[in-house]
Amino acid sequence: MDPATIEDEQSKKPAHVRVTVTFPLANKPPFHKDDPPDTTVATVLVAGMAHFEVTDDETTTYYLTHDHEKADPTKTVGELAGDKHAVKFTLAKEITQG
């Protein structure tokens, strides 16, 4: 592969992915951040929970959804964003009765 082709391939990869997290149960605006593409969903979850001032406890667990499905915490925002250079998550609250 010639250097120009390698440079073209690298220029297509964004330096950052625009991450948005919404939480319908909160009275706060969405969380926005430009993250490196290798940032994991688990890292975004921690930042989103801090933004919305929520924490897990014995009966409540929070997770992120993407495209109406539970997001794999090991995936990266770059994988989920693809060519869009942006990814949107929704923070979900799961209550377990004990």
PDB file of N, CA and C in Angstrom:
ATOM      1  N   MET A   1       0.853  -1.182   0.000  1.00  0.00           N
ATOM      2  CA  MET A   1       0.000   0.000   0.000  1.00  0.00           C
ATOM      3  C   MET A   1       0.895   1.239   0.000  1.00  0.00           C
ATOM      4  N   ASP A   2       0.617   2.152  -0.893  1.00  0.00           N
ATOM      5  CA  ASP A   2       1.463   3.334  -0.963  1.00  0.00           C
ATOM      6  C   ASP A   2       1.103   4.310   0.162  1.00  0.00           C
ATOM      7  N   PRO A   3       2.034   5.190   0.531  1.00  0.00           N
ATOM      8  CA  PRO A   3       1.814   6.116   1.651  1.00  0.00           C
ATOM      9  C   PRO A   3       0.567   6.983   1.507  1.00  0.00           C
ATOM     10  N   ALA A   4       0.214   7.371   0.286  1.00  0.00           N
ATOM     11  CA  ALA A   4      -0.977   8.209   0.089  1.00  0.00           C
ATOM     12  C   ALA A   4      -2.246   7.447   0.460  1.00  0.00           C
ATOM     13  N   THR A   5      -2.293   6.151   0.130  1.00  0.00           N
ATOM     14  CA  THR A   5      -3.459   5.334   0.465  1.00  0.00           C
ATOM     15  C   THR A   5      -3.575   5.160   1.973  1.00  0.00           C
ATOM     16  N   ILE A   6      -2.457   4.920   2.635  1.00  0.00           N
ATOM     17  CA  ILE A   6      -2.450   4.782   4.088  1.00  0.00           C
ATOM     18  C   ILE A   6      -2.935   6.080   4.737  1.00  0.00           C
ATOM     19  N   GLU A   7      -2.460   7.202   4.240  1.00  0.00           N
ATOM     20  CA  GLU A   7      -2.863   8.502   4.784  1.00  0.00           C
ATOM     21  C   GLU A   7      -4.359   8.734   4.576  1.00  0.00           C
ATOM     22  N   ASP A   8      -4.891   8.346   3.403  1.00  0.00           N
ATOM     23  CA  ASP A   8      -6.324   8.487   3.135  1.00  0.00           C
ATOM     24  C   ASP A   8      -7.143   7.651   4.106  1.00  0.00           C
ATOM     25  N   GLU A   9      -6.702   6.420   4.367  1.00  0.00           N
ATOM     26  CA  GLU A   9      -7.414   5.539   5.298  1.00  0.00           C
ATOM     27  C   GLU A   9      -7.403   6.135   6.705  1.00  0.00           C
ATOM     28  N   GLN A  10      -6.278   6.670   7.135  1.00  0.00           N
ATOM     29  CA  GLN A  10      -6.175   7.240   8.471  1.00  0.00           C
ATOM     30  C   GLN A  10      -6.995   8.508   8.597  1.00  0.00           C
ATOM     31  N   SER A  11      -7.095   9.287   7.548  1.00  0.00           N
ATOM     32  CA  SER A  11      -7.845  10.538   7.619  1.00  0.00           C
ATOM     33  C   SER A  11      -9.348  10.284   7.710  1.00  0.00           C
ATOM     34  N   LYS A  12      -9.814   9.092   7.300  1.00  0.00           N
ATOM     35  CA  LYS A  12     -11.225   8.752   7.394  1.00  0.00           C
ATOM     36  C   LYS A  12     -11.628   8.432   8.825  1.00  0.00           C
ATOM     37  N   LYS A  13     -10.674   8.039   9.649  1.00  0.00           N
ATOM     38  CA  LYS A  13     -10.971   7.713  11.034  1.00  0.00           C
ATOM     39  C   LYS A  13     -10.990   9.008  11.847  1.00  0.00           C
ATOM     40  N   PRO A  14     -12.091   9.261  12.552  1.00  0.00           N
ATOM     41  CA  PRO A  14     -12.167  10.502  13.315  1.00  0.00           C
ATOM     42  C   PRO A  14     -11.249  10.473  14.532  1.00  0.00           C
ATOM     43  N   ALA A  15     -10.738  11.638  14.893  1.00  0.00           N
ATOM     44  CA  ALA A  15      -9.929  11.735  16.101  1.00  0.00           C
ATOM     45  C   ALA A  15     -10.821  11.638  17.333  1.00  0.00           C
ATOM     46  N   HIS A  16     -12.080  12.046  17.175  1.00  0.00           N
ATOM     47  CA  HIS A  16     -13.043  11.999  18.276  1.00  0.00           C
ATOM     48  C   HIS A  16     -14.412  11.595  17.760  1.00  0.00           C
ATOM     49  N   VAL A  17     -15.193  11.023  18.651  1.00  0.00           N
ATOM     50  CA  VAL A  17     -16.574  10.661  18.354  1.00  0.00           C
ATOM     51  C   VAL A  17     -17.456  11.499  19.277  1.00  0.00           C
ATOM     52  N   ARG A  18     -18.452  12.143  18.708  1.00  0.00           N
ATOM     53  CA  ARG A  18     -19.392  12.952  19.495  1.00  0.00           C
ATOM     54  C   ARG A  18     -20.352  12.000  20.206  1.00  0.00           C
ATOM     55  N   VAL A  19     -20.265  11.946  21.525  1.00  0.00           N
ATOM     56  CA  VAL A  19     -21.080  11.051  22.342  1.00  0.00           C
ATOM     57  C   VAL A  19     -22.187  11.852  23.010  1.00  0.00           C
ATOM     58  N   THR A  20     -23.411  11.343  22.928  1.00  0.00           N
ATOM     59  CA  THR A  20     -24.555  11.953  23.593  1.00  0.00           C
ATOM     60  C   THR A  20     -25.239  10.886  24.438  1.00  0.00           C
ATOM     61  N   VAL A  21     -25.559  11.250  25.681  1.00  0.00           N
ATOM     62  CA  VAL A  21     -26.318  10.363  26.553  1.00  0.00           C
ATOM     63  C   VAL A  21     -27.538  11.132  27.039  1.00  0.00           C
ATOM     64  N   THR A  22     -28.717  10.547  26.810  1.00  0.00           N
ATOM     65  CA  THR A  22     -29.950  11.132  27.322  1.00  0.00           C
ATOM     66  C   THR A  22     -30.472  10.252  28.451  1.00  0.00           C
ATOM     67  N   PHE A  23     -31.267  10.852  29.327  1.00  0.00           N
ATOM     68  CA  PHE A  23     -31.881  10.111  30.435  1.00  0.00           C
ATOM     69  C   PHE A  23     -33.275  10.678  30.627  1.00  0.00           C
ATOM     70  N   PRO A  24     -34.281  10.026  30.045  1.00  0.00           N
ATOM     71  CA  PRO A  24     -35.635  10.563  30.072  1.00  0.00           C
ATOM     72  C   PRO A  24     -36.189  10.828  31.474  1.00  0.00           C
ATOM     73  N   LEU A  25     -35.687  10.141  32.489  1.00  0.00           N
ATOM     74  CA  LEU A  25     -36.191  10.325  33.851  1.00  0.00           C
ATOM     75  C   LEU A  25     -35.606  11.547  34.555  1.00  0.00           C
ATOM     76  N   ALA A  26     -34.630  12.175  33.942  1.00  0.00           N
ATOM     77  CA  ALA A  26     -33.945  13.315  34.573  1.00  0.00           C
ATOM     78  C   ALA A  26     -34.463  14.637  34.035  1.00  0.00           C
ATOM     79  N   ASN A  27     -34.347  15.646  34.847  1.00  0.00           N
ATOM     80  CA  ASN A  27     -34.687  17.006  34.431  1.00  0.00           C
ATOM     81  C   ASN A  27     -33.414  17.777  34.099  1.00  0.00           C
ATOM     82  N   LYS A  28     -32.487  17.104  33.448  1.00  0.00           N
ATOM     83  CA  LYS A  28     -31.216  17.722  33.056  1.00  0.00           C
ATOM     84  C   LYS A  28     -31.048  17.582  31.552  1.00  0.00           C
ATOM     85  N   PRO A  29     -30.296  18.492  30.974  1.00  0.00           N
ATOM     86  CA  PRO A  29     -30.017  18.359  29.535  1.00  0.00           C
ATOM     87  C   PRO A  29     -29.134  17.135  29.274  1.00  0.00           C
ATOM     88  N   PRO A  30     -29.091  16.677  28.033  1.00  0.00           N
ATOM     89  CA  PRO A  30     -28.255  15.515  27.702  1.00  0.00           C
ATOM     90  C   PRO A  30     -26.780  15.761  28.010  1.00  0.00           C
ATOM     91  N   PHE A  31     -26.079  14.673  28.204  1.00  0.00           N
ATOM     92  CA  PHE A  31     -24.630  14.683  28.387  1.00  0.00           C
ATOM     93  C   PHE A  31     -24.001  14.624  27.001  1.00  0.00           C
ATOM     94  N   HIS A  32     -23.067  15.522  26.721  1.00  0.00           N
ATOM     95  CA  HIS A  32     -22.345  15.536  25.443  1.00  0.00           C
ATOM     96  C   HIS A  32     -20.849  15.553  25.728  1.00  0.00           C
ATOM     97  N   LYS A  33     -20.115  14.794  24.932  1.00  0.00           N
ATOM     98  CA  LYS A  33     -18.656  14.804  25.059  1.00  0.00           C
ATOM     99  C   LYS A  33     -18.051  14.281  23.765  1.00  0.00           C
ATOM    100  N   ASP A  34     -16.900  14.822  23.392  1.00  0.00           N
ATOM    101  CA  ASP A  34     -16.119  14.304  22.275  1.00  0.00           C
ATOM    102  C   ASP A  34     -15.075  13.357  22.855  1.00  0.00           C
ATOM    103  N   ASP A  35     -15.245  12.066  22.592  1.00  0.00           N
ATOM    104  CA  ASP A  35     -14.361  11.042  23.133  1.00  0.00           C
ATOM    105  C   ASP A  35     -13.518  10.418  22.031  1.00  0.00           C
ATOM    106  N   PRO A  36     -12.330   9.915  22.386  1.00  0.00           N
ATOM    107  CA  PRO A  36     -11.547   9.154  21.416  1.00  0.00           C
ATOM    108  C   PRO A  36     -12.335   7.912  20.983  1.00  0.00           C
ATOM    109  N   PRO A  37     -12.165   7.448  19.760  1.00  0.00           N
ATOM    110  CA  PRO A  37     -12.920   6.294  19.261  1.00  0.00           C
ATOM    111  C   PRO A  37     -12.742   5.016  20.081  1.00  0.00           C
ATOM    112  N   ASP A  38     -11.631   4.898  20.808  1.00  0.00           N
ATOM    113  CA  ASP A  38     -11.398   3.673  21.589  1.00  0.00           C
ATOM    114  C   ASP A  38     -12.006   3.721  22.991  1.00  0.00           C
ATOM    115  N   THR A  39     -12.795   4.749  23.297  1.00  0.00           N
ATOM    116  CA  THR A  39     -13.474   4.853  24.588  1.00  0.00           C
ATOM    117  C   THR A  39     -14.563   3.778  24.660  1.00  0.00           C
ATOM    118  N   THR A  40     -14.598   3.038  25.763  1.00  0.00           N
ATOM    119  CA  THR A  40     -15.584   1.963  25.886  1.00  0.00           C
ATOM    120  C   THR A  40     -16.937   2.497  26.345  1.00  0.00           C
ATOM    121  N   VAL A  41     -17.955   1.707  26.067  1.00  0.00           N
ATOM    122  CA  VAL A  41     -19.313   2.031  26.520  1.00  0.00           C
ATOM    123  C   VAL A  41     -19.333   2.099  28.050  1.00  0.00           C
ATOM    124  N   ALA A  42     -18.573   1.242  28.725  1.00  0.00           N
ATOM    125  CA  ALA A  42     -18.511   1.256  30.183  1.00  0.00           C
ATOM    126  C   ALA A  42     -18.016   2.609  30.698  1.00  0.00           C
ATOM    127  N   THR A  43     -17.046   3.191  30.024  1.00  0.00           N
ATOM    128  CA  THR A  43     -16.520   4.509  30.410  1.00  0.00           C
ATOM    129  C   THR A  43     -17.583   5.584  30.206  1.00  0.00           C
ATOM    130  N   VAL A  44     -18.315   5.496  29.111  1.00  0.00           N
ATOM    131  CA  VAL A  44     -19.391   6.460  28.842  1.00  0.00           C
ATOM    132  C   VAL A  44     -20.488   6.328  29.894  1.00  0.00           C
ATOM    133  N   LEU A  45     -20.782   5.097  30.304  1.00  0.00           N
ATOM    134  CA  LEU A  45     -21.795   4.870  31.337  1.00  0.00           C
ATOM    135  C   LEU A  45     -21.422   5.586  32.634  1.00  0.00           C
ATOM    136  N   VAL A  46     -20.183   5.446  33.059  1.00  0.00           N
ATOM    137  CA  VAL A  46     -19.725   6.104  34.286  1.00  0.00           C
ATOM    138  C   VAL A  46     -19.870   7.617  34.169  1.00  0.00           C
ATOM    139  N   ALA A  47     -19.461   8.184  33.046  1.00  0.00           N
ATOM    140  CA  ALA A  47     -19.558   9.636  32.843  1.00  0.00           C
ATOM    141  C   ALA A  47     -21.017  10.087  32.788  1.00  0.00           C
ATOM    142  N   GLY A  48     -21.861   9.314  32.121  1.00  0.00           N
ATOM    143  CA  GLY A  48     -23.276   9.653  32.033  1.00  0.00           C
ATOM    144  C   GLY A  48     -23.958   9.596  33.386  1.00  0.00           C
ATOM    145  N   MET A  49     -23.650   8.577  34.176  1.00  0.00           N
ATOM    146  CA  MET A  49     -24.230   8.471  35.510  1.00  0.00           C
ATOM    147  C   MET A  49     -23.789   9.630  36.395  1.00  0.00           C
ATOM    148  N   ALA A  50     -22.540  10.031  36.274  1.00  0.00           N
ATOM    149  CA  ALA A  50     -22.052  11.177  37.053  1.00  0.00           C
ATOM    150  C   ALA A  50     -22.781  12.452  36.627  1.00  0.00           C
ATOM    151  N   HIS A  51     -22.963  12.634  35.330  1.00  0.00           N
ATOM    152  CA  HIS A  51     -23.661  13.817  34.821  1.00  0.00           C
ATOM    153  C   HIS A  51     -25.092  13.895  35.356  1.00  0.00           C
ATOM    154  N   PHE A  52     -25.780  12.754  35.367  1.00  0.00           N
ATOM    155  CA  PHE A  52     -27.170  12.735  35.822  1.00  0.00           C
ATOM    156  C   PHE A  52     -27.314  12.488  37.324  1.00  0.00           C
ATOM    157  N   GLU A  53     -26.171  12.380  38.000  1.00  0.00           N
ATOM    158  CA  GLU A  53     -26.128  12.251  39.463  1.00  0.00           C
ATOM    159  C   GLU A  53     -26.918  11.041  39.960  1.00  0.00           C
ATOM    160  N   VAL A  54     -26.654   9.883  39.341  1.00  0.00           N
ATOM    161  CA  VAL A  54     -27.288   8.640  39.770  1.00  0.00           C
ATOM    162  C   VAL A  54     -26.210   7.601  40.051  1.00  0.00           C
ATOM    163  N   THR A  55     -26.547   6.645  40.914  1.00  0.00           N
ATOM    164  CA  THR A  55     -25.617   5.560  41.249  1.00  0.00           C
ATOM    165  C   THR A  55     -26.398   4.247  41.366  1.00  0.00           C
ATOM    166  N   ASP A  56     -25.698   3.156  41.114  1.00  0.00           N
ATOM    167  CA  ASP A  56     -26.277   1.833  41.335  1.00  0.00           C
ATOM    168  C   ASP A  56     -26.406   1.606  42.839  1.00  0.00           C
ATOM    169  N   ASP A  57     -27.393   0.803  43.237  1.00  0.00           N
ATOM    170  CA  ASP A  57     -27.495   0.373  44.634  1.00  0.00           C
ATOM    171  C   ASP A  57     -28.025  -1.061  44.643  1.00  0.00           C
ATOM    172  N   GLU A  58     -28.504  -1.541  45.799  1.00  0.00           N
ATOM    173  CA  GLU A  58     -28.942  -2.939  45.909  1.00  0.00           C
ATOM    174  C   GLU A  58     -30.109  -3.265  44.974  1.00  0.00           C
ATOM    175  N   THR A  59     -30.957  -2.291  44.688  1.00  0.00           N
ATOM    176  CA  THR A  59     -32.156  -2.565  43.899  1.00  0.00           C
ATOM    177  C   THR A  59     -32.174  -1.879  42.531  1.00  0.00           C
ATOM    178  N   THR A  60     -31.215  -1.011  42.271  1.00  0.00           N
ATOM    179  CA  THR A  60     -31.216  -0.241  41.028  1.00  0.00           C
ATOM    180  C   THR A  60     -29.892  -0.384  40.292  1.00  0.00           C
ATOM    181  N   THR A  61     -29.986  -0.680  39.006  1.00  0.00           N
ATOM    182  CA  THR A  61     -28.817  -0.776  38.136  1.00  0.00           C
ATOM    183  C   THR A  61     -29.076   0.083  36.907  1.00  0.00           C
ATOM    184  N   TYR A  62     -28.059   0.773  36.456  1.00  0.00           N
ATOM    185  CA  TYR A  62     -28.156   1.608  35.257  1.00  0.00           C
ATOM    186  C   TYR A  62     -27.310   0.995  34.147  1.00  0.00           C
ATOM    187  N   TYR A  63     -27.777   1.163  32.923  1.00  0.00           N
ATOM    188  CA  TYR A  63     -27.027   0.701  31.752  1.00  0.00           C
ATOM    189  C   TYR A  63     -27.375   1.610  30.578  1.00  0.00           C
ATOM    190  N   LEU A  64     -26.605   1.504  29.520  1.00  0.00           N
ATOM    191  CA  LEU A  64     -26.847   2.313  28.330  1.00  0.00           C
ATOM    192  C   LEU A  64     -27.499   1.477  27.240  1.00  0.00           C
ATOM    193  N   THR A  65     -28.399   2.122  26.496  1.00  0.00           N
ATOM    194  CA  THR A  65     -28.958   1.484  25.314  1.00  0.00           C
ATOM    195  C   THR A  65     -28.500   2.272  24.086  1.00  0.00           C
ATOM    196  N   HIS A  66     -28.402   1.543  22.986  1.00  0.00           N
ATOM    197  CA  HIS A  66     -28.026   2.139  21.701  1.00  0.00           C
ATOM    198  C   HIS A  66     -28.871   1.450  20.642  1.00  0.00           C
ATOM    199  N   ASP A  67     -29.565   2.215  19.834  1.00  0.00           N
ATOM    200  CA  ASP A  67     -30.485   1.657  18.839  1.00  0.00           C
ATOM    201  C   ASP A  67     -31.493   0.707  19.484  1.00  0.00           C
ATOM    202  N   HIS A  68     -32.012   1.089  20.629  1.00  0.00           N
ATOM    203  CA  HIS A  68     -33.065   0.373  21.359  1.00  0.00           C
ATOM    204  C   HIS A  68     -32.637  -0.978  21.918  1.00  0.00           C
ATOM    205  N   GLU A  69     -31.343  -1.216  22.009  1.00  0.00           N
ATOM    206  CA  GLU A  69     -30.833  -2.453  22.584  1.00  0.00           C
ATOM    207  C   GLU A  69     -29.787  -2.132  23.633  1.00  0.00           C
ATOM    208  N   LYS A  70     -29.665  -2.995  24.632  1.00  0.00           N
ATOM    209  CA  LYS A  70     -28.659  -2.810  25.672  1.00  0.00           C
ATOM    210  C   LYS A  70     -27.277  -2.819  25.027  1.00  0.00           C
ATOM    211  N   ALA A  71     -26.498  -1.789  25.312  1.00  0.00           N
ATOM    212  CA  ALA A  71     -25.166  -1.651  24.709  1.00  0.00           C
ATOM    213  C   ALA A  71     -24.160  -2.529  25.444  1.00  0.00           C
ATOM    214  N   ASP A  72     -23.337  -3.219  24.688  1.00  0.00           N
ATOM    215  CA  ASP A  72     -22.268  -4.056  25.243  1.00  0.00           C
ATOM    216  C   ASP A  72     -21.210  -3.130  25.851  1.00  0.00           C
ATOM    217  N   PRO A  73     -20.953  -3.242  27.170  1.00  0.00           N
ATOM    218  CA  PRO A  73     -20.003  -2.332  27.815  1.00  0.00           C
ATOM    219  C   PRO A  73     -18.567  -2.450  27.317  1.00  0.00           C
ATOM    220  N   THR A  74     -18.250  -3.544  26.615  1.00  0.00           N
ATOM    221  CA  THR A  74     -16.879  -3.718  26.120  1.00  0.00           C
ATOM    222  C   THR A  74     -16.677  -3.120  24.729  1.00  0.00           C
ATOM    223  N   LYS A  75     -17.764  -2.766  24.059  1.00  0.00           N
ATOM    224  CA  LYS A  75     -17.649  -2.139  22.729  1.00  0.00           C
ATOM    225  C   LYS A  75     -17.105  -0.722  22.871  1.00  0.00           C
ATOM    226  N   THR A  76     -16.552  -0.209  21.789  1.00  0.00           N
ATOM    227  CA  THR A  76     -16.050   1.165  21.806  1.00  0.00           C
ATOM    228  C   THR A  76     -17.024   2.089  21.074  1.00  0.00           C
ATOM    229  N   VAL A  77     -16.943   3.375  21.392  1.00  0.00           N
ATOM    230  CA  VAL A  77     -17.817   4.342  20.714  1.00  0.00           C
ATOM    231  C   VAL A  77     -17.484   4.412  19.229  1.00  0.00           C
ATOM    232  N   GLY A  78     -16.241   4.179  18.878  1.00  0.00           N
ATOM    233  CA  GLY A  78     -15.850   4.162  17.473  1.00  0.00           C
ATOM    234  C   GLY A  78     -16.516   3.025  16.717  1.00  0.00           C
ATOM    235  N   GLU A  79     -16.602   1.840  17.339  1.00  0.00           N
ATOM    236  CA  GLU A  79     -17.264   0.699  16.709  1.00  0.00           C
ATOM    237  C   GLU A  79     -18.743   1.000  16.482  1.00  0.00           C
ATOM    238  N   LEU A  80     -19.394   1.592  17.477  1.00  0.00           N
ATOM    239  CA  LEU A  80     -20.828   1.862  17.384  1.00  0.00           C
ATOM    240  C   LEU A  80     -21.137   3.028  16.456  1.00  0.00           C
ATOM    241  N   ALA A  81     -20.260   4.012  16.417  1.00  0.00           N
ATOM    242  CA  ALA A  81     -20.504   5.192  15.586  1.00  0.00           C
ATOM    243  C   ALA A  81     -20.308   4.886  14.103  1.00  0.00           C
ATOM    244  N   GLY A  82     -19.348   4.028  13.808  1.00  0.00           N
ATOM    245  CA  GLY A  82     -19.054   3.723  12.406  1.00  0.00           C
ATOM    246  C   GLY A  82     -18.623   4.969  11.662  1.00  0.00           C
ATOM    247  N   ASP A  83     -19.213   5.196  10.495  1.00  0.00           N
ATOM    248  CA  ASP A  83     -18.855   6.349   9.666  1.00  0.00           C
ATOM    249  C   ASP A  83     -19.531   7.641  10.117  1.00  0.00           C
ATOM    250  N   LYS A  84     -20.423   7.559  11.083  1.00  0.00           N
ATOM    251  CA  LYS A  84     -21.202   8.726  11.496  1.00  0.00           C
ATOM    252  C   LYS A  84     -20.408   9.708  12.364  1.00  0.00           C
ATOM    253  N   HIS A  85     -19.360   9.249  13.035  1.00  0.00           N
ATOM    254  CA  HIS A  85     -18.538  10.084  13.915  1.00  0.00           C
ATOM    255  C   HIS A  85     -19.325  10.603  15.114  1.00  0.00           C
ATOM    256  N   ALA A  86     -20.479   9.984  15.382  1.00  0.00           N
ATOM    257  CA  ALA A  86     -21.304  10.355  16.527  1.00  0.00           C
ATOM    258  C   ALA A  86     -22.092   9.135  16.965  1.00  0.00           C
ATOM    259  N   VAL A  87     -22.393   9.073  18.256  1.00  0.00           N
ATOM    260  CA  VAL A  87     -23.187   7.966  18.781  1.00  0.00           C
ATOM    261  C   VAL A  87     -24.085   8.495  19.896  1.00  0.00           C
ATOM    262  N   LYS A  88     -25.323   8.003  19.923  1.00  0.00           N
ATOM    263  CA  LYS A  88     -26.277   8.442  20.930  1.00  0.00           C
ATOM    264  C   LYS A  88     -26.706   7.249  21.783  1.00  0.00           C
ATOM    265  N   PHE A  89     -26.658   7.446  23.089  1.00  0.00           N
ATOM    266  CA  PHE A  89     -27.076   6.432  24.046  1.00  0.00           C
ATOM    267  C   PHE A  89     -28.237   6.985  24.871  1.00  0.00           C
ATOM    268  N   THR A  90     -29.014   6.070  25.430  1.00  0.00           N
ATOM    269  CA  THR A  90     -30.020   6.425  26.414  1.00  0.00           C
ATOM    270  C   THR A  90     -29.677   5.680  27.692  1.00  0.00           C
ATOM    271  N   LEU A  91     -29.640   6.402  28.809  1.00  0.00           N
ATOM    272  CA  LEU A  91     -29.391   5.795  30.106  1.00  0.00           C
ATOM    273  C   LEU A  91     -30.692   5.157  30.578  1.00  0.00           C
ATOM    274  N   ALA A  92     -30.630   3.878  30.929  1.00  0.00           N
ATOM    275  CA  ALA A  92     -31.803   3.137  31.369  1.00  0.00           C
ATOM    276  C   ALA A  92     -31.632   2.709  32.825  1.00  0.00           C
ATOM    277  N   LYS A  93     -32.742   2.659  33.526  1.00  0.00           N
ATOM    278  CA  LYS A  93     -32.758   2.287  34.938  1.00  0.00           C
ATOM    279  C   LYS A  93     -33.492   0.964  35.078  1.00  0.00           C
ATOM    280  N   GLU A  94     -32.829  -0.007  35.718  1.00  0.00           N
ATOM    281  CA  GLU A  94     -33.436  -1.317  35.946  1.00  0.00           C
ATOM    282  C   GLU A  94     -33.592  -1.508  37.452  1.00  0.00           C
ATOM    283  N   ILE A  95     -34.815  -1.810  37.864  1.00  0.00           N
ATOM    284  CA  ILE A  95     -35.099  -2.036  39.287  1.00  0.00           C
ATOM    285  C   ILE A  95     -35.336  -3.525  39.496  1.00  0.00           C
ATOM    286  N   THR A  96     -34.611  -4.085  40.463  1.00  0.00           N
ATOM    287  CA  THR A  96     -34.795  -5.488  40.809  1.00  0.00           C
ATOM    288  C   THR A  96     -35.440  -5.575  42.188  1.00  0.00           C
ATOM    289  N   GLN A  97     -36.472  -6.359  42.272  1.00  0.00           N
ATOM    290  CA  GLN A  97     -37.148  -6.535  43.552  1.00  0.00           C
ATOM    291  C   GLN A  97     -36.535  -7.726  44.258  1.00  0.00           C
ATOM    292  N   GLY A  98     -36.299  -7.576  45.535  1.00  0.00           N
ATOM    293  CA  GLY A  98     -35.634  -8.633  46.269  1.00  0.00           C
ATOM    294  C   GLY A  98     -36.452  -9.115  47.334  1.00  0.00           C
TER     295      GLY A  98
END
